[in-house]
Amino acid sequence: MSLSGRVALVTGAARGIGLAIGRRLADEGARVALVDVDGPGVEAAAASLGRGALALVADVTRTEDVERAVAAAHARLGRLDIVVNNAGITGGSRLTWELTDEDWQRVIACDLTSVFLVCRAAVRIMLAQGGGRIVNIASIAGKEGNPTLVPYSTAKAGVIGLTKALAKEVATRGIFVNAVAPAVIGTDMVRQMSRETVDMLVAKIPMGRIGRPEEVAALVAWLASDECSFSTGAVYDLSGGRATY
């Protein structure tokens, strides 16, 4: 599953799933650009990867930041073959009628609008170079809906819809667009949730455990490779048996 000669950009890559994805892609031979709003964090992440990993500081909810980061990765690494939209927040656990406008808008901006902005910038480059791979990190919440996580569930459902629609637009242009829908994965994002919410989510997983970032990274690496040659617009569950449809 060699990615030698490929260039990958991963958002939300200072830690957790994003860093695990960046590390796995680098291990497979890709040159990697890590993007995060946390400057010191993403610099440390890139240093931990070595192998010429590039750290880019950007707020992916802002058009100008996204355009600058994508252009910088392309200019400094020479290509843009793989994009992984991983940046996201849960926004904490609240009942719908307790949410403020800001609660809603913050999660939608980070978890859905950012995916659109990055895809738009990346696809323009991929069309010009004749192909590429986009992997969007959605969530099982986008398929089933998680109570007390309405903005998050809504945003991730949007990511799934965006993935399917964009994949159809570029299906004959050499660009593959797929999504991964994890259940609970052991990251800082999960630690934002209440204990009750986490227990409720784990109880739905037949395997009875939280997933690991490295398990997400392994699936992303396959989707980013030439071995994934006849799948686009698909949503791959990574849920320990919770979702089987």
C-alpha atoms as a PDB file:
ATOM      1  CA  MET A   1       0.000   0.000   0.000  1.00  0.00           C
ATOM      2  CA  SER A   2       2.837   2.371  -0.885  1.00  0.00           C
ATOM      3  CA  LEU A   3       2.132   6.094  -1.008  1.00  0.00           C
ATOM      4  CA  SER A   4       5.656   6.909  -2.121  1.00  0.00           C
ATOM      5  CA  GLY A   5       5.800  10.117  -4.121  1.00  0.00           C
ATOM      6  CA  ARG A   6       2.385  11.285  -2.920  1.00  0.00           C
ATOM      7  CA  VAL A   7       1.696  14.497  -1.005  1.00  0.00           C
ATOM      8  CA  ALA A   8      -0.954  14.489   1.712  1.00  0.00           C
ATOM      9  CA  LEU A   9      -2.617  17.290   3.667  1.00  0.00           C
ATOM     10  CA  VAL A  10      -4.375  16.450   6.941  1.00  0.00           C
ATOM     11  CA  THR A  11      -6.462  18.929   8.941  1.00  0.00           C
ATOM     12  CA  GLY A  12      -6.915  18.812  12.693  1.00  0.00           C
ATOM     13  CA  ALA A  13      -3.527  17.133  12.801  1.00  0.00           C
ATOM     14  CA  ALA A  14      -1.895  18.405  15.984  1.00  0.00           C
ATOM     15  CA  ARG A  15      -3.041  15.376  17.960  1.00  0.00           C
ATOM     16  CA  GLY A  16      -5.458  12.472  18.120  1.00  0.00           C
ATOM     17  CA  ILE A  17      -6.905  10.991  14.946  1.00  0.00           C
ATOM     18  CA  GLY A  18      -5.340  13.625  12.683  1.00  0.00           C
ATOM     19  CA  LEU A  19      -1.833  13.020  13.979  1.00  0.00           C
ATOM     20  CA  ALA A  20      -2.316   9.252  13.755  1.00  0.00           C
ATOM     21  CA  ILE A  21      -3.424   9.644  10.136  1.00  0.00           C
ATOM     22  CA  GLY A  22      -0.469  11.881   9.329  1.00  0.00           C
ATOM     23  CA  ARG A  23       1.917   9.378  10.874  1.00  0.00           C
ATOM     24  CA  ARG A  24       0.422   6.419   9.000  1.00  0.00           C
ATOM     25  CA  LEU A  25       0.504   8.246   5.653  1.00  0.00           C
ATOM     26  CA  ALA A  26       4.130   9.209   6.281  1.00  0.00           C
ATOM     27  CA  ASP A  27       4.927   5.606   7.212  1.00  0.00           C
ATOM     28  CA  GLU A  28       3.463   4.564   3.848  1.00  0.00           C
ATOM     29  CA  GLY A  29       5.835   6.949   2.078  1.00  0.00           C
ATOM     30  CA  ALA A  30       3.805  10.138   1.606  1.00  0.00           C
ATOM     31  CA  ARG A  31       5.138  13.601   2.265  1.00  0.00           C
ATOM     32  CA  VAL A  32       2.742  15.149   4.732  1.00  0.00           C
ATOM     33  CA  ALA A  33       1.450  18.640   5.521  1.00  0.00           C
ATOM     34  CA  LEU A  34      -0.224  18.873   8.913  1.00  0.00           C
ATOM     35  CA  VAL A  35      -2.777  21.664   9.413  1.00  0.00           C
ATOM     36  CA  ASP A  36      -4.145  22.858  12.741  1.00  0.00           C
ATOM     37  CA  VAL A  37      -5.224  26.044  14.486  1.00  0.00           C
ATOM     38  CA  ASP A  38      -2.903  25.136  17.389  1.00  0.00           C
ATOM     39  CA  GLY A  39       0.442  26.499  16.227  1.00  0.00           C
ATOM     40  CA  PRO A  40       2.737  25.008  18.881  1.00  0.00           C
ATOM     41  CA  GLY A  41       0.813  21.738  18.751  1.00  0.00           C
ATOM     42  CA  VAL A  42       1.072  21.279  15.008  1.00  0.00           C
ATOM     43  CA  GLU A  43       4.744  22.283  15.013  1.00  0.00           C
ATOM     44  CA  ALA A  44       5.421  19.610  17.636  1.00  0.00           C
ATOM     45  CA  ALA A  45       3.376  17.090  15.672  1.00  0.00           C
ATOM     46  CA  ALA A  46       5.353  17.726  12.486  1.00  0.00           C
ATOM     47  CA  ALA A  47       8.617  17.469  14.397  1.00  0.00           C
ATOM     48  CA  SER A  48       7.515  14.134  15.856  1.00  0.00           C
ATOM     49  CA  LEU A  49       6.870  12.769  12.356  1.00  0.00           C
ATOM     50  CA  GLY A  50      10.151  13.992  10.901  1.00  0.00           C
ATOM     51  CA  ARG A  51      10.639  13.031   7.253  1.00  0.00           C
ATOM     52  CA  GLY A  52      10.148  16.637   6.170  1.00  0.00           C
ATOM     53  CA  ALA A  53       6.614  16.918   7.508  1.00  0.00           C
ATOM     54  CA  LEU A  54       5.256  20.425   7.038  1.00  0.00           C
ATOM     55  CA  ALA A  55       3.366  22.273   9.793  1.00  0.00           C
ATOM     56  CA  LEU A  56       0.757  24.810   8.677  1.00  0.00           C
ATOM     57  CA  VAL A  57      -1.211  26.949  11.110  1.00  0.00           C
ATOM     58  CA  ALA A  58      -4.736  27.690   9.902  1.00  0.00           C
ATOM     59  CA  ASP A  59      -8.278  28.158  11.153  1.00  0.00           C
ATOM     60  CA  VAL A  60     -10.149  25.908   8.734  1.00  0.00           C
ATOM     61  CA  THR A  61     -13.421  27.744   9.345  1.00  0.00           C
ATOM     62  CA  ARG A  62     -11.944  30.790   7.564  1.00  0.00           C
ATOM     63  CA  THR A  63     -11.801  30.854   3.768  1.00  0.00           C
ATOM     64  CA  GLU A  64      -8.595  32.865   3.623  1.00  0.00           C
ATOM     65  CA  ASP A  65      -6.789  30.526   6.027  1.00  0.00           C
ATOM     66  CA  VAL A  66      -7.842  27.458   4.066  1.00  0.00           C
ATOM     67  CA  GLU A  67      -6.833  28.929   0.710  1.00  0.00           C
ATOM     68  CA  ARG A  68      -3.463  29.941   2.131  1.00  0.00           C
ATOM     69  CA  ALA A  69      -2.762  26.560   3.767  1.00  0.00           C
ATOM     70  CA  VAL A  70      -3.733  24.494   0.734  1.00  0.00           C
ATOM     71  CA  ALA A  71      -1.724  26.746  -1.576  1.00  0.00           C
ATOM     72  CA  ALA A  72       1.285  26.573   0.756  1.00  0.00           C
ATOM     73  CA  ALA A  73       1.222  22.779   0.885  1.00  0.00           C
ATOM     74  CA  HIS A  74       0.958  22.605  -2.895  1.00  0.00           C
ATOM     75  CA  ALA A  75       3.718  25.133  -3.478  1.00  0.00           C
ATOM     76  CA  ARG A  76       6.175  23.769  -0.918  1.00  0.00           C
ATOM     77  CA  LEU A  77       5.632  20.056  -1.556  1.00  0.00           C
ATOM     78  CA  GLY A  78       4.975  20.296  -5.294  1.00  0.00           C
ATOM     79  CA  ARG A  79       1.714  18.349  -5.525  1.00  0.00           C
ATOM     80  CA  LEU A  80      -1.491  17.623  -3.633  1.00  0.00           C
ATOM     81  CA  ASP A  81      -2.569  14.010  -3.992  1.00  0.00           C
ATOM     82  CA  ILE A  82      -4.360  13.260  -0.725  1.00  0.00           C
ATOM     83  CA  VAL A  83      -6.526  15.440   1.502  1.00  0.00           C
ATOM     84  CA  VAL A  84      -7.972  14.260   4.805  1.00  0.00           C
ATOM     85  CA  ASN A  85     -10.598  16.484   6.413  1.00  0.00           C
ATOM     86  CA  ASN A  86     -10.322  15.571  10.070  1.00  0.00           C
ATOM     87  CA  ALA A  87     -10.675  18.862  11.965  1.00  0.00           C
ATOM     88  CA  GLY A  88     -13.707  18.869  14.220  1.00  0.00           C
ATOM     89  CA  ILE A  89     -15.221  19.452  17.644  1.00  0.00           C
ATOM     90  CA  THR A  90     -18.171  17.931  19.477  1.00  0.00           C
ATOM     91  CA  GLY A  91     -19.171  21.197  21.128  1.00  0.00           C
ATOM     92  CA  GLY A  92     -19.976  19.498  24.413  1.00  0.00           C
ATOM     93  CA  SER A  93     -23.136  17.664  25.452  1.00  0.00           C
ATOM     94  CA  ARG A  94     -26.345  19.713  25.651  1.00  0.00           C
ATOM     95  CA  LEU A  95     -30.010  19.144  24.972  1.00  0.00           C
ATOM     96  CA  THR A  96     -31.273  20.936  21.866  1.00  0.00           C
ATOM     97  CA  TRP A  97     -33.391  23.464  23.754  1.00  0.00           C
ATOM     98  CA  GLU A  98     -30.388  24.431  25.872  1.00  0.00           C
ATOM     99  CA  LEU A  99     -28.188  25.293  22.878  1.00  0.00           C
ATOM    100  CA  THR A 100     -27.309  28.875  21.995  1.00  0.00           C
ATOM    101  CA  ASP A 101     -26.916  30.176  18.446  1.00  0.00           C
ATOM    102  CA  GLU A 102     -23.179  30.311  19.074  1.00  0.00           C
ATOM    103  CA  ASP A 103     -23.098  26.654  20.200  1.00  0.00           C
ATOM    104  CA  TRP A 104     -24.723  25.642  16.918  1.00  0.00           C
ATOM    105  CA  GLN A 105     -22.722  27.895  14.612  1.00  0.00           C
ATOM    106  CA  ARG A 106     -19.355  26.991  16.144  1.00  0.00           C
ATOM    107  CA  VAL A 107     -19.800  23.262  15.552  1.00  0.00           C
ATOM    108  CA  ILE A 108     -21.296  23.639  12.068  1.00  0.00           C
ATOM    109  CA  ALA A 109     -18.432  25.938  11.056  1.00  0.00           C
ATOM    110  CA  CYS A 110     -15.707  23.619  12.304  1.00  0.00           C
ATOM    111  CA  ASP A 111     -17.228  20.264  11.381  1.00  0.00           C
ATOM    112  CA  LEU A 112     -19.032  20.999   8.099  1.00  0.00           C
ATOM    113  CA  THR A 113     -18.141  24.374   6.586  1.00  0.00           C
ATOM    114  CA  SER A 114     -14.437  23.603   6.958  1.00  0.00           C
ATOM    115  CA  VAL A 115     -14.850  20.408   4.943  1.00  0.00           C
ATOM    116  CA  PHE A 116     -16.492  22.340   2.112  1.00  0.00           C
ATOM    117  CA  LEU A 117     -13.772  25.006   2.162  1.00  0.00           C
ATOM    118  CA  VAL A 118     -10.909  22.506   2.092  1.00  0.00           C
ATOM    119  CA  CYS A 119     -12.556  20.323  -0.562  1.00  0.00           C
ATOM    120  CA  ARG A 120     -13.194  23.335  -2.792  1.00  0.00           C
ATOM    121  CA  ALA A 121      -9.589  24.488  -2.604  1.00  0.00           C
ATOM    122  CA  ALA A 122      -8.152  20.993  -3.010  1.00  0.00           C
ATOM    123  CA  VAL A 123     -10.363  19.891  -5.896  1.00  0.00           C
ATOM    124  CA  ARG A 124      -9.265  22.870  -7.980  1.00  0.00           C
ATOM    125  CA  ILE A 125      -5.670  21.657  -7.693  1.00  0.00           C
ATOM    126  CA  MET A 126      -6.566  17.992  -8.193  1.00  0.00           C
ATOM    127  CA  LEU A 127      -8.534  18.766 -11.353  1.00  0.00           C
ATOM    128  CA  ALA A 128      -5.527  20.576 -12.796  1.00  0.00           C
ATOM    129  CA  GLN A 129      -3.116  17.751 -11.968  1.00  0.00           C
ATOM    130  CA  GLY A 130      -5.461  14.986 -13.134  1.00  0.00           C
ATOM    131  CA  GLY A 131      -6.592  13.285  -9.943  1.00  0.00           C
ATOM    132  CA  GLY A 132      -6.418  12.906  -6.203  1.00  0.00           C
ATOM    133  CA  ARG A 133      -7.938  11.381  -3.094  1.00  0.00           C
ATOM    134  CA  ILE A 134     -10.154  13.045  -0.509  1.00  0.00           C
ATOM    135  CA  VAL A 135     -11.131  11.324   2.724  1.00  0.00           C
ATOM    136  CA  ASN A 136     -13.607  13.085   4.995  1.00  0.00           C
ATOM    137  CA  ILE A 137     -13.867  12.042   8.624  1.00  0.00           C
ATOM    138  CA  ALA A 138     -17.572  11.879   9.397  1.00  0.00           C
ATOM    139  CA  SER A 139     -19.072   9.999  12.354  1.00  0.00           C
ATOM    140  CA  ILE A 140     -21.593   7.328  13.167  1.00  0.00           C
ATOM    141  CA  ALA A 141     -23.475  10.253  14.740  1.00  0.00           C
ATOM    142  CA  GLY A 142     -24.117  11.509  11.220  1.00  0.00           C
ATOM    143  CA  LYS A 143     -25.936   8.291  10.362  1.00  0.00           C
ATOM    144  CA  GLU A 144     -27.803   7.593  13.597  1.00  0.00           C
ATOM    145  CA  GLY A 145     -27.916  10.908  15.471  1.00  0.00           C
ATOM    146  CA  ASN A 146     -26.612  11.128  19.020  1.00  0.00           C
ATOM    147  CA  PRO A 147     -28.820  12.765  21.663  1.00  0.00           C
ATOM    148  CA  THR A 148     -27.261  15.816  23.364  1.00  0.00           C
ATOM    149  CA  LEU A 149     -24.970  16.167  20.323  1.00  0.00           C
ATOM    150  CA  VAL A 150     -27.396  17.685  17.810  1.00  0.00           C
ATOM    151  CA  PRO A 151     -25.007  20.195  16.150  1.00  0.00           C
ATOM    152  CA  TYR A 152     -22.320  17.513  15.854  1.00  0.00           C
ATOM    153  CA  SER A 153     -24.730  14.893  14.494  1.00  0.00           C
ATOM    154  CA  THR A 154     -26.124  17.397  11.999  1.00  0.00           C
ATOM    155  CA  ALA A 155     -22.686  18.500  10.806  1.00  0.00           C
ATOM    156  CA  LYS A 156     -21.471  14.942  10.330  1.00  0.00           C
ATOM    157  CA  ALA A 157     -24.627  14.046   8.389  1.00  0.00           C
ATOM    158  CA  GLY A 158     -23.758  17.018   6.193  1.00  0.00           C
ATOM    159  CA  VAL A 159     -20.241  15.681   5.679  1.00  0.00           C
ATOM    160  CA  ILE A 160     -21.724  12.401   4.476  1.00  0.00           C
ATOM    161  CA  GLY A 161     -23.994  14.217   2.018  1.00  0.00           C
ATOM    162  CA  LEU A 162     -21.159  16.425   0.799  1.00  0.00           C
ATOM    163  CA  THR A 163     -18.966  13.371   0.260  1.00  0.00           C
ATOM    164  CA  LYS A 164     -21.578  11.574  -1.838  1.00  0.00           C
ATOM    165  CA  ALA A 165     -22.443  14.614  -3.958  1.00  0.00           C
ATOM    166  CA  LEU A 166     -18.863  15.737  -4.592  1.00  0.00           C
ATOM    167  CA  ALA A 167     -17.811  12.191  -5.478  1.00  0.00           C
ATOM    168  CA  LYS A 168     -20.397  12.135  -8.268  1.00  0.00           C
ATOM    169  CA  GLU A 169     -19.204  15.492  -9.603  1.00  0.00           C
ATOM    170  CA  VAL A 170     -15.603  14.314 -10.007  1.00  0.00           C
ATOM    171  CA  ALA A 171     -16.062  10.571 -10.584  1.00  0.00           C
ATOM    172  CA  THR A 172     -14.752  10.735 -14.161  1.00  0.00           C
ATOM    173  CA  ARG A 173     -11.946  13.161 -13.332  1.00  0.00           C
ATOM    174  CA  GLY A 174      -9.643  10.819 -11.411  1.00  0.00           C
ATOM    175  CA  ILE A 175     -10.662  12.142  -7.992  1.00  0.00           C
ATOM    176  CA  PHE A 176     -11.929   9.742  -5.341  1.00  0.00           C
ATOM    177  CA  VAL A 177     -13.993  11.111  -2.448  1.00  0.00           C
ATOM    178  CA  ASN A 178     -14.902   8.843   0.453  1.00  0.00           C
ATOM    179  CA  ALA A 179     -15.797   9.190   4.114  1.00  0.00           C
ATOM    180  CA  VAL A 180     -15.035   7.293   7.295  1.00  0.00           C
ATOM    181  CA  ALA A 181     -17.693   7.171  10.005  1.00  0.00           C
ATOM    182  CA  PRO A 182     -16.086   6.186  13.316  1.00  0.00           C
ATOM    183  CA  ALA A 183     -17.897   5.450  16.529  1.00  0.00           C
ATOM    184  CA  VAL A 184     -16.238   6.602  19.764  1.00  0.00           C
ATOM    185  CA  ILE A 185     -12.466   6.915  19.343  1.00  0.00           C
ATOM    186  CA  GLY A 186     -10.103   7.601  22.238  1.00  0.00           C
ATOM    187  CA  THR A 187      -9.195  11.269  21.660  1.00  0.00           C
ATOM    188  CA  ASP A 188      -9.362  14.659  23.363  1.00  0.00           C
ATOM    189  CA  MET A 189     -12.677  15.250  21.569  1.00  0.00           C
ATOM    190  CA  VAL A 190     -14.262  12.373  23.448  1.00  0.00           C
ATOM    191  CA  ARG A 191     -12.921  13.791  26.669  1.00  0.00           C
ATOM    192  CA  GLN A 192     -15.053  16.896  26.018  1.00  0.00           C
ATOM    193  CA  MET A 193     -18.144  14.733  26.435  1.00  0.00           C
ATOM    194  CA  SER A 194     -19.845  13.918  29.708  1.00  0.00           C
ATOM    195  CA  ARG A 195     -19.154  10.527  31.267  1.00  0.00           C
ATOM    196  CA  GLU A 196     -22.811   9.655  30.790  1.00  0.00           C
ATOM    197  CA  THR A 197     -22.640  10.396  27.069  1.00  0.00           C
ATOM    198  CA  VAL A 198     -19.488   8.322  26.571  1.00  0.00           C
ATOM    199  CA  ASP A 199     -20.954   5.387  28.514  1.00  0.00           C
ATOM    200  CA  MET A 200     -24.109   5.576  26.407  1.00  0.00           C
ATOM    201  CA  LEU A 201     -22.103   5.515  23.178  1.00  0.00           C
ATOM    202  CA  VAL A 202     -19.827   2.638  24.226  1.00  0.00           C
ATOM    203  CA  ALA A 203     -22.865   0.620  25.315  1.00  0.00           C
ATOM    204  CA  LYS A 204     -24.030   0.643  21.680  1.00  0.00           C
ATOM    205  CA  ILE A 205     -20.800  -0.956  20.411  1.00  0.00           C
ATOM    206  CA  PRO A 206     -20.998  -4.777  20.230  1.00  0.00           C
ATOM    207  CA  MET A 207     -17.225  -5.058  20.645  1.00  0.00           C
ATOM    208  CA  GLY A 208     -17.610  -3.186  23.930  1.00  0.00           C
ATOM    209  CA  ARG A 209     -14.711  -0.777  23.616  1.00  0.00           C
ATOM    210  CA  ILE A 210     -13.602   2.592  22.300  1.00  0.00           C
ATOM    211  CA  GLY A 211     -11.727   2.591  19.009  1.00  0.00           C
ATOM    212  CA  ARG A 212      -8.116   3.700  18.581  1.00  0.00           C
ATOM    213  CA  PRO A 213      -6.852   6.541  16.370  1.00  0.00           C
ATOM    214  CA  GLU A 214      -4.501   4.103  14.653  1.00  0.00           C
ATOM    215  CA  GLU A 215      -7.493   2.041  13.530  1.00  0.00           C
ATOM    216  CA  VAL A 216      -8.951   5.076  11.785  1.00  0.00           C
ATOM    217  CA  ALA A 217      -5.570   5.834  10.226  1.00  0.00           C
ATOM    218  CA  ALA A 218      -5.281   2.329   8.775  1.00  0.00           C
ATOM    219  CA  LEU A 219      -8.581   2.679   6.912  1.00  0.00           C
ATOM    220  CA  VAL A 220      -7.711   6.174   5.696  1.00  0.00           C
ATOM    221  CA  ALA A 221      -4.381   4.922   4.345  1.00  0.00           C
ATOM    222  CA  TRP A 222      -6.190   2.320   2.244  1.00  0.00           C
ATOM    223  CA  LEU A 223      -8.693   4.869   0.930  1.00  0.00           C
ATOM    224  CA  ALA A 224      -5.769   7.127   0.001  1.00  0.00           C
ATOM    225  CA  SER A 225      -4.020   4.373  -1.927  1.00  0.00           C
ATOM    226  CA  ASP A 226      -4.365   2.922  -5.416  1.00  0.00           C
ATOM    227  CA  GLU A 227      -5.703  -0.272  -3.842  1.00  0.00           C
ATOM    228  CA  CYS A 228      -8.991   1.591  -3.432  1.00  0.00           C
ATOM    229  CA  SER A 229      -9.773   1.733  -7.142  1.00  0.00           C
ATOM    230  CA  PHE A 230     -13.547   1.263  -7.543  1.00  0.00           C
ATOM    231  CA  SER A 231     -15.034   2.984  -4.516  1.00  0.00           C
ATOM    232  CA  THR A 232     -16.048   6.621  -4.386  1.00  0.00           C
ATOM    233  CA  GLY A 233     -18.861   8.393  -2.591  1.00  0.00           C
ATOM    234  CA  ALA A 234     -18.848   5.636   0.025  1.00  0.00           C
ATOM    235  CA  VAL A 235     -19.085   5.858   3.803  1.00  0.00           C
ATOM    236  CA  TYR A 236     -16.981   3.314   5.674  1.00  0.00           C
ATOM    237  CA  ASP A 237     -18.165   2.494   9.171  1.00  0.00           C
ATOM    238  CA  LEU A 238     -15.536   2.008  11.851  1.00  0.00           C
ATOM    239  CA  SER A 239     -17.781   1.289  14.769  1.00  0.00           C
ATOM    240  CA  GLY A 240     -16.991  -2.030  16.389  1.00  0.00           C
ATOM    241  CA  GLY A 241     -20.211  -3.447  14.970  1.00  0.00           C
ATOM    242  CA  ARG A 242     -22.516  -0.592  15.979  1.00  0.00           C
ATOM    243  CA  ALA A 243     -23.486   0.218  12.395  1.00  0.00           C
ATOM    244  CA  THR A 244     -23.790  -2.501   9.789  1.00  0.00           C
ATOM    245  CA  TYR A 245     -25.586  -0.668   6.987  1.00  0.00           C
END
